[in-house]
Protein backbone atom coordinates (compact mmCIF):
# COMPACT_ATOMS: atom_id res chain seq x y z
CA MET A 1 -11.43 7.46 52.79
CA ARG A 2 -8.19 8.07 50.94
CA ASN A 3 -7.54 4.34 50.43
CA ALA A 4 -11.08 3.86 49.13
CA LEU A 5 -10.65 6.80 46.74
CA GLN A 6 -7.30 5.48 45.50
CA ALA A 7 -8.83 2.05 44.91
CA PHE A 8 -11.74 3.63 43.06
CA GLN A 9 -9.44 5.79 40.95
CA ALA A 10 -7.41 2.72 39.99
CA ALA A 11 -10.60 0.83 39.08
CA VAL A 12 -11.88 3.71 36.94
CA MET A 13 -8.56 4.12 35.12
CA ALA A 14 -8.72 0.43 34.17
CA ALA A 15 -12.31 0.63 32.90
CA PRO A 16 -12.83 2.73 29.73
CA GLU A 17 -16.61 2.29 29.80
CA LEU A 18 -16.78 3.61 33.37
CA GLN A 19 -14.60 6.53 32.32
CA ARG A 20 -17.07 7.26 29.53
CA GLN A 21 -20.04 7.24 31.90
CA LEU A 22 -18.38 9.49 34.46
CA GLY A 23 -16.55 11.67 31.96
CA ALA A 24 -19.76 12.62 30.18
CA CYS A 25 -21.12 14.36 33.29
CA GLU A 26 -21.05 18.13 33.11
CA ARG A 27 -22.77 18.72 36.46
CA HIS A 28 -20.92 17.88 39.65
CA ASP A 29 -24.00 16.50 41.41
CA LEU A 30 -24.66 14.03 38.60
CA PHE A 31 -20.99 13.04 38.52
CA CYS A 32 -21.00 12.40 42.28
CA ALA A 33 -24.17 10.32 42.10
CA ARG A 34 -22.79 8.13 39.33
CA ALA A 35 -19.38 7.83 40.97
CA MET A 36 -20.85 6.88 44.35
CA ALA A 37 -23.04 4.25 42.70
CA ALA A 38 -20.10 2.86 40.73
CA ALA A 39 -17.92 2.74 43.84
CA GLY A 40 -20.66 0.94 45.75
CA SER A 41 -20.96 -1.69 43.01
CA LEU A 42 -17.23 -2.34 43.47
CA GLY A 43 -17.62 -2.75 47.23
CA LEU A 44 -15.97 0.59 47.98
CA LYS A 45 -17.42 3.09 50.41
CA LEU A 46 -16.88 6.70 49.41
CA VAL A 47 -18.13 9.87 51.04
CA PRO A 48 -19.06 12.82 48.81
CA ASP A 49 -16.12 14.89 50.09
CA ALA A 50 -13.76 12.37 48.48
CA LEU A 51 -15.02 13.52 45.08
CA ALA A 52 -14.58 17.24 45.73
CA PRO A 53 -12.81 19.10 42.90
CA ARG A 54 -9.01 19.21 43.21
CA ALA A 55 -6.49 21.61 41.75
CA ARG A 56 -4.52 20.07 38.91
CA ALA A 57 -1.36 21.09 40.72
CA ALA A 58 -2.06 18.32 43.24
CA SER A 59 0.51 15.54 43.08
CA VAL A 60 -0.31 12.22 41.44
CA GLU A 61 1.87 9.16 40.95
CA PRO A 62 3.29 9.12 37.40
CA SER A 63 2.46 6.17 35.15
CA SER A 64 4.89 4.73 32.65
CA ALA A 65 2.05 3.96 30.24
CA TRP A 66 -0.09 6.22 28.12
CA PRO A 67 -3.74 6.44 29.25
CA PRO A 68 -6.59 5.04 27.11
CA ARG A 69 -7.26 6.60 23.73
CA ALA A 70 -9.97 8.95 25.05
CA TRP A 71 -7.28 10.96 26.88
CA LEU A 72 -5.23 13.77 25.31
CA PRO A 73 -2.22 15.71 26.64
CA VAL A 74 -3.02 19.15 28.03
CA ARG A 75 0.36 20.43 29.21
CA ILE A 76 3.93 19.57 30.17
CA VAL A 77 4.78 20.39 33.77
CA GLU A 78 7.94 20.39 35.86
CA SER A 79 8.13 18.24 38.97
CA ASP A 80 10.64 16.84 41.45
CA VAL A 81 11.02 13.78 39.20
CA GLY A 82 11.48 15.77 35.99
CA HIS A 83 9.07 16.87 33.32
CA LEU A 84 5.66 15.22 33.23
CA VAL A 85 3.02 15.07 30.53
CA ASP A 86 -0.37 15.89 32.08
CA TRP A 87 -3.37 14.27 30.36
CA ALA A 88 -7.12 14.92 30.52
CA TYR A 89 -10.12 12.88 29.57
CA PHE A 90 -11.82 14.16 26.40
CA GLY A 91 -14.02 11.16 25.70
CA ASP A 92 -15.40 11.27 22.18
CA ASP A 93 -16.01 15.04 22.16
CA PRO A 94 -15.00 16.49 18.77
CA LEU A 95 -12.33 19.21 18.79
CA GLN A 96 -14.33 21.96 17.12
CA ASP A 97 -13.10 25.05 18.98
CA SER A 98 -11.18 27.68 17.05
CA PHE A 99 -8.13 26.89 19.21
CA PHE A 100 -7.09 23.62 20.85
CA ASP A 101 -6.48 25.34 24.17
CA ASP A 102 -10.19 26.29 24.28
CA SER A 103 -10.98 22.58 24.03
CA ILE A 104 -8.58 21.96 26.90
CA GLN A 105 -10.40 24.45 29.10
CA ARG A 106 -13.74 22.85 28.34
CA ALA A 107 -12.38 19.39 29.15
CA LEU A 108 -10.75 20.54 32.40
CA SER A 109 -13.98 22.15 33.56
CA ARG A 110 -15.72 18.78 33.74
CA PRO A 111 -16.00 17.12 37.16
CA PHE A 112 -14.21 13.98 36.03
CA ASN A 113 -10.99 15.85 35.22
CA ARG A 114 -11.13 17.64 38.58
CA VAL A 115 -10.86 14.29 40.39
CA PHE A 116 -9.06 11.91 38.03
CA ARG A 117 -5.65 12.58 36.54
CA HIS A 118 -3.01 10.74 34.57
CA VAL A 119 0.57 11.93 34.23
CA THR A 120 3.49 10.32 32.40
CA ARG A 121 7.19 10.96 32.83
CA LEU A 122 8.59 12.60 29.73
CA ASP A 123 10.98 9.73 28.96
CA ASP A 124 8.14 7.21 29.25
CA PHE A 125 5.94 9.44 27.10
CA ILE A 126 8.56 9.32 24.36
CA ASP A 127 9.60 5.67 24.70
CA ASN A 128 6.12 4.17 25.11
CA ALA A 129 4.30 6.08 22.39
CA PRO A 130 1.86 3.78 20.55
CA VAL A 131 2.40 3.58 16.81
CA ASP A 132 -1.16 2.84 15.71
CA GLU A 133 -3.49 5.19 17.61
CA ALA A 134 -3.04 8.45 15.72
CA ALA A 135 -4.62 9.72 12.55
CA PRO A 136 -1.81 10.28 10.00
CA LEU A 137 -0.48 13.85 9.96
CA ARG A 138 -1.16 15.14 6.45
CA GLY A 139 -0.08 18.78 6.70
CA LEU A 140 1.36 21.59 8.82
CA VAL A 141 0.30 25.24 8.70
CA TYR A 142 2.99 27.80 9.53
CA HIS A 143 1.95 31.44 9.48
CA MET A 144 2.93 35.05 9.98
CA SER A 145 0.10 35.72 12.52
CA ARG A 146 -3.28 37.40 11.89
CA CYS A 147 -3.20 36.14 8.32
CA GLY A 148 -5.97 33.59 7.87
CA SER A 149 -4.34 30.57 9.49
CA THR A 150 -7.32 29.96 11.79
CA LEU A 151 -9.58 30.09 8.75
CA VAL A 152 -7.46 27.46 7.01
CA ALA A 153 -7.56 25.27 10.13
CA GLN A 154 -11.36 25.58 10.29
CA MET A 155 -11.73 24.75 6.59
CA LEU A 156 -9.54 21.66 6.94
CA GLY A 157 -11.54 20.69 10.00
CA ALA A 158 -14.73 20.76 7.93
CA LEU A 159 -13.56 17.65 6.09
CA PRO A 160 -15.08 14.37 7.35
CA ALA A 161 -13.04 12.10 9.63
CA THR A 162 -10.49 14.88 10.11
CA LEU A 163 -8.69 16.34 13.11
CA SER A 164 -7.62 19.95 12.69
CA LEU A 165 -5.60 21.14 15.70
CA SER A 166 -5.10 24.88 16.02
CA GLU A 167 -2.03 26.00 17.95
CA PRO A 168 -2.06 23.14 20.49
CA GLY A 169 -0.26 24.29 23.63
CA PRO A 170 1.27 20.87 24.41
CA PHE A 171 3.03 20.85 21.02
CA ASP A 172 4.35 24.36 21.67
CA ALA A 173 5.65 23.16 25.06
CA ALA A 174 7.37 20.21 23.39
CA VAL A 175 9.04 22.49 20.85
CA ARG A 176 10.29 24.78 23.61
CA LEU A 177 11.72 21.83 25.56
CA ALA A 178 13.40 20.36 22.50
CA MET A 179 14.99 23.73 21.74
CA ALA A 180 16.17 24.34 25.30
CA GLY A 181 17.03 20.99 26.84
CA ASN A 182 20.49 19.52 26.33
CA ASP A 183 19.12 16.01 26.85
CA LEU A 184 16.46 16.63 24.20
CA ARG A 185 18.65 17.88 21.41
CA GLY A 186 18.96 15.97 18.17
CA GLU A 187 16.98 12.77 17.68
CA ARG A 188 15.61 12.71 21.23
CA GLY A 189 13.95 16.08 20.70
CA ALA A 190 12.60 14.92 17.34
CA ALA A 191 11.19 11.83 19.05
CA LEU A 192 9.44 14.06 21.60
CA LEU A 193 7.74 16.04 18.82
CA ARG A 194 6.64 12.86 17.06
CA ALA A 195 5.25 11.46 20.31
CA MET A 196 3.33 14.68 20.94
CA VAL A 197 1.87 14.63 17.43
CA ALA A 198 0.81 11.02 18.03
CA ALA A 199 -0.77 11.93 21.37
CA LEU A 200 -2.64 14.98 20.06
CA GLY A 201 -3.75 13.14 16.93
CA ARG A 202 -5.29 10.13 18.68
CA ALA A 203 -8.17 8.88 16.54
CA ARG A 204 -10.89 8.85 19.20
CA ASN A 205 -13.73 8.89 16.65
CA GLY A 206 -12.25 7.04 13.69
CA GLU A 207 -10.45 10.07 12.23
CA ARG A 208 -8.36 9.21 9.18
CA GLN A 209 -6.19 12.32 8.88
CA CYS A 210 -4.82 15.16 10.96
CA PHE A 211 -3.59 18.70 10.34
CA ILE A 212 -1.83 21.02 12.77
CA LYS A 213 -1.81 24.79 12.62
CA LEU A 214 1.33 25.84 14.50
CA ASP A 215 2.09 28.96 16.52
CA SER A 216 3.44 31.82 14.43
CA TRP A 217 6.90 31.73 16.02
CA HIS A 218 7.32 28.05 15.12
CA ILE A 219 8.62 28.96 11.66
CA LEU A 220 11.82 29.88 13.53
CA ALA A 221 11.93 26.30 14.82
CA PHE A 222 11.52 24.93 11.29
CA PRO A 223 14.77 22.89 11.24
CA LEU A 224 13.75 21.09 14.45
CA ILE A 225 10.18 20.41 13.30
CA GLN A 226 11.35 19.38 9.84
CA ALA A 227 13.83 16.91 11.35
CA ALA A 228 11.03 15.34 13.38
CA LEU A 229 8.46 15.30 10.55
CA PRO A 230 10.51 15.24 7.35
CA HIS A 231 7.83 13.88 5.03
CA VAL A 232 4.93 16.13 6.05
CA PRO A 233 3.99 18.87 3.54
CA TRP A 234 3.52 22.37 4.91
CA VAL A 235 2.39 25.85 3.96
CA TYR A 236 3.43 29.30 5.18
CA LEU A 237 0.62 31.86 5.27
CA PHE A 238 1.38 35.56 5.09
CA ARG A 239 -0.52 38.81 4.67
CA ASP A 240 0.02 42.46 3.79
CA PRO A 241 2.20 43.51 6.75
CA VAL A 242 0.40 46.84 7.12
CA GLU A 243 -2.84 44.98 7.85
CA VAL A 244 -1.11 42.65 10.29
CA LEU A 245 0.61 45.46 12.19
CA VAL A 246 -2.64 47.41 12.52
CA SER A 247 -4.17 44.33 14.12
CA GLN A 248 -1.17 43.86 16.41
CA MET A 249 -1.24 47.46 17.56
CA ARG A 250 -4.85 47.00 18.59
CA MET A 251 -4.07 43.81 20.53
CA ARG A 252 -0.56 42.40 20.67
CA GLY A 253 -0.08 38.66 20.33
CA TYR A 254 2.32 37.06 22.83
CA GLN A 255 4.59 36.05 19.93
CA THR A 256 5.46 39.73 19.43
CA VAL A 257 6.75 40.07 23.01
CA PRO A 258 10.36 38.77 23.04
CA SER A 259 10.23 37.90 26.76
CA LEU A 260 7.36 35.45 26.13
CA VAL A 261 9.09 33.32 23.50
CA PRO A 262 12.24 31.18 23.95
CA PRO A 263 15.20 33.35 25.03
CA GLY A 264 17.20 34.77 22.16
CA LEU A 265 14.72 33.52 19.57
CA TYR A 266 14.54 36.80 17.69
CA GLY A 267 17.93 38.15 18.59
CA ILE A 268 16.41 41.57 19.26
CA GLY A 269 15.29 43.45 22.35
CA ASP A 270 12.71 46.17 22.73
CA ASP A 271 12.96 48.67 19.89
CA PRO A 272 13.35 52.26 21.17
CA SER A 273 11.51 53.53 18.11
CA GLY A 274 8.30 51.90 19.30
CA PRO A 275 6.18 48.72 19.20
CA GLU A 276 5.46 49.15 15.49
CA ALA A 277 9.14 48.76 14.60
CA LEU A 278 9.60 45.89 17.05
CA CYS A 279 6.67 43.94 15.58
CA ALA A 280 7.84 44.65 12.04
CA ARG A 281 11.32 43.33 12.86
CA ILE A 282 9.80 40.18 14.38
CA PHE A 283 7.71 39.53 11.28
CA ALA A 284 10.82 40.10 9.20
CA LYS A 285 12.45 37.28 11.17
CA HIS A 286 9.45 35.05 10.42
CA HIS A 287 9.62 35.85 6.72
CA GLU A 288 13.37 35.30 6.52
CA ALA A 289 12.97 31.87 8.10
CA ALA A 290 10.10 31.02 5.75
CA ILE A 291 12.05 32.05 2.67
CA ARG A 292 14.96 29.84 3.75
CA ALA A 293 12.59 26.94 4.40
CA LEU A 294 10.88 27.35 1.03
CA ALA A 295 14.16 26.43 -0.64
CA GLU A 296 13.44 22.88 0.53
CA PRO A 297 10.73 20.63 -0.96
CA LEU A 298 7.29 20.13 0.62
CA GLY A 299 6.73 23.83 1.38
CA MET A 300 4.35 26.33 -0.22
CA ALA A 301 3.74 30.06 0.36
CA ILE A 302 0.09 31.18 0.52
CA ASP A 303 -1.00 34.82 0.39
CA TYR A 304 -3.98 35.81 2.56
CA ALA A 305 -5.35 37.67 -0.45
CA ASP A 306 -5.85 34.32 -2.19
CA LEU A 307 -7.99 32.83 0.60
CA PRO A 308 -10.39 31.15 0.91
CA ASP A 309 -10.16 29.84 -2.68
CA ALA A 310 -6.53 28.83 -2.18
CA LEU A 311 -7.62 26.09 0.24
CA VAL A 312 -9.30 24.11 -2.55
CA ASP A 313 -7.10 25.25 -5.43
CA ARG A 314 -3.65 24.99 -3.87
CA ILE A 315 -3.49 23.82 -0.24
CA ALA A 316 -5.65 20.72 -0.61
CA PRO A 317 -3.67 19.32 -3.57
CA HIS A 318 -0.42 20.20 -1.81
CA PHE A 319 -1.55 18.16 1.19
CA GLY A 320 -2.48 15.24 -1.05
CA LEU A 321 -6.24 15.76 -0.79
CA SER A 322 -8.64 14.98 -3.64
CA LEU A 323 -11.82 16.65 -2.49
CA THR A 324 -15.20 15.30 -3.49
CA GLN A 325 -17.99 17.67 -4.47
CA VAL A 326 -19.57 17.26 -1.03
CA GLU A 327 -16.26 17.98 0.69
CA THR A 328 -15.68 21.03 -1.50
CA VAL A 329 -19.07 22.41 -0.49
CA ALA A 330 -18.34 21.77 3.22
CA VAL A 331 -14.97 23.49 2.98
CA ALA A 332 -16.43 26.44 1.08
CA ASP A 333 -19.13 26.89 3.72
CA ALA A 334 -16.48 26.99 6.46
CA GLY A 335 -14.56 29.53 4.38
CA ARG A 336 -17.50 31.94 4.44
CA ARG A 337 -17.53 32.08 8.23
CA ASP A 338 -15.54 34.09 10.72
CA ALA A 339 -12.80 31.69 11.82
CA LYS A 340 -12.78 32.88 15.43
CA ALA A 341 -16.58 33.13 15.64
CA PRO A 342 -17.90 30.47 13.22
CA GLU A 343 -21.52 31.36 13.99
CA CYS A 344 -20.91 34.67 12.15
CA LEU A 345 -20.21 35.27 8.47
CA PHE A 346 -16.77 36.59 7.53
CA THR A 347 -16.37 40.30 6.82
CA ASP A 348 -13.41 41.47 4.73
CA ASP A 349 -11.55 44.12 6.76
CA ARG A 350 -8.48 44.69 4.60
CA GLU A 351 -9.38 48.18 3.40
CA ARG A 352 -10.46 49.28 6.86
CA LYS A 353 -7.14 48.16 8.34
CA LYS A 354 -5.21 50.04 5.69
CA ARG A 355 -7.17 53.21 6.46
CA LEU A 356 -6.31 52.82 10.15
CA ALA A 357 -2.58 52.44 9.55
CA SER A 358 -0.57 55.09 11.38
CA ASP A 359 2.55 56.75 10.00
CA ALA A 360 4.59 54.66 12.45
CA VAL A 361 3.09 51.43 11.08
CA LEU A 362 3.71 52.48 7.47
CA GLU A 363 7.31 53.45 8.21
CA ALA A 364 8.03 50.24 10.14
CA VAL A 365 6.69 48.13 7.28
CA ARG A 366 8.66 50.11 4.69
CA ARG A 367 11.91 49.75 6.61
CA HIS A 368 11.71 46.14 7.75
CA VAL A 369 9.16 43.98 5.90
CA CYS A 370 8.34 45.32 2.42
CA GLU A 371 11.15 43.60 0.53
CA LEU A 372 10.58 40.26 2.24
CA HIS A 373 6.85 40.49 1.63
CA ALA A 374 7.52 41.02 -2.08
CA LYS A 375 9.72 37.90 -2.16
CA LEU A 376 6.99 35.83 -0.54
CA ARG A 377 4.41 37.14 -2.98
CA GLY A 378 6.69 36.05 -5.78
CA ALA A 379 7.02 32.60 -4.24
CA ALA A 380 3.23 32.36 -3.84
CA ARG A 381 2.72 33.08 -7.54
CA ARG A 382 4.99 30.25 -8.67
């Protein structure tokens, strides 16, 4: 049974059309029926148990080659043979979720990805990256957190033939490795980031351009990302820090927990004066890094208060986009919707957040972020 399954897996991995037929199945019974029929046509005898769902932790022989274009990376994992890039089959499904990792979960829930896997050794992933499969990267979105970056990603994604990737976990994993690994420092780490951009930006449906909204802590990795992608324009989004801290106190993002980001990234530990001060100091680190980066060309500061109009007026021209009237209408429609729940219209909550601000939030902002926020507002007005 195992030899028949291995032979069938090899046959499927070599046949993109068969992958499409099996990968489109959302129900396990339909997947099994199609797989059994396909195996039979190849002279292979499978039993249904051979197609039972498997944990993705199960071992699989690494390939030196990238999989077909319909596959995208979903994570980087450690193994006995070093780091591996784990891929999943996405077919031609558009990436329309608010966050890329939501698209990953949808893809991994399909029966095909519970049976078929493709992994690539990290060195092979870097060295064998195709040069002609990805939509060109036209812009990067750095941000403070809770400041409209998801909205910007959704508005960019409303453009035709466009990939807009929101905080893709595999890119975050690549950044962490490049920052931590001695063998990935310098040009090798930059090559890893470029390969990951190429893998995430694969033009599966004829896309002609790509944008990536990064994680909020990535502004602290700006020198590394800039070295890898030196010609890509970028923006840094920020917001009234009182509003951001009120949101964080309601539900903390992992980027505000020092133990969940690369060691020593912020250079601070828990603040004895409370989570408000700790978060304010972290956002101060973000702003300091952004202000340094804005001294270089290709960067632009964008105030949340100027959204959504700033997408058409400032961000699009900065990213080299000349929007048609139809595109402007599509972008404007996306800008009226709640970025994290696009089926709902956006509701401005700035005044409500300010009313909810505690004395501890106001004091933390005054002590740690106010001056930097004023500098960024000045930069955004230039």
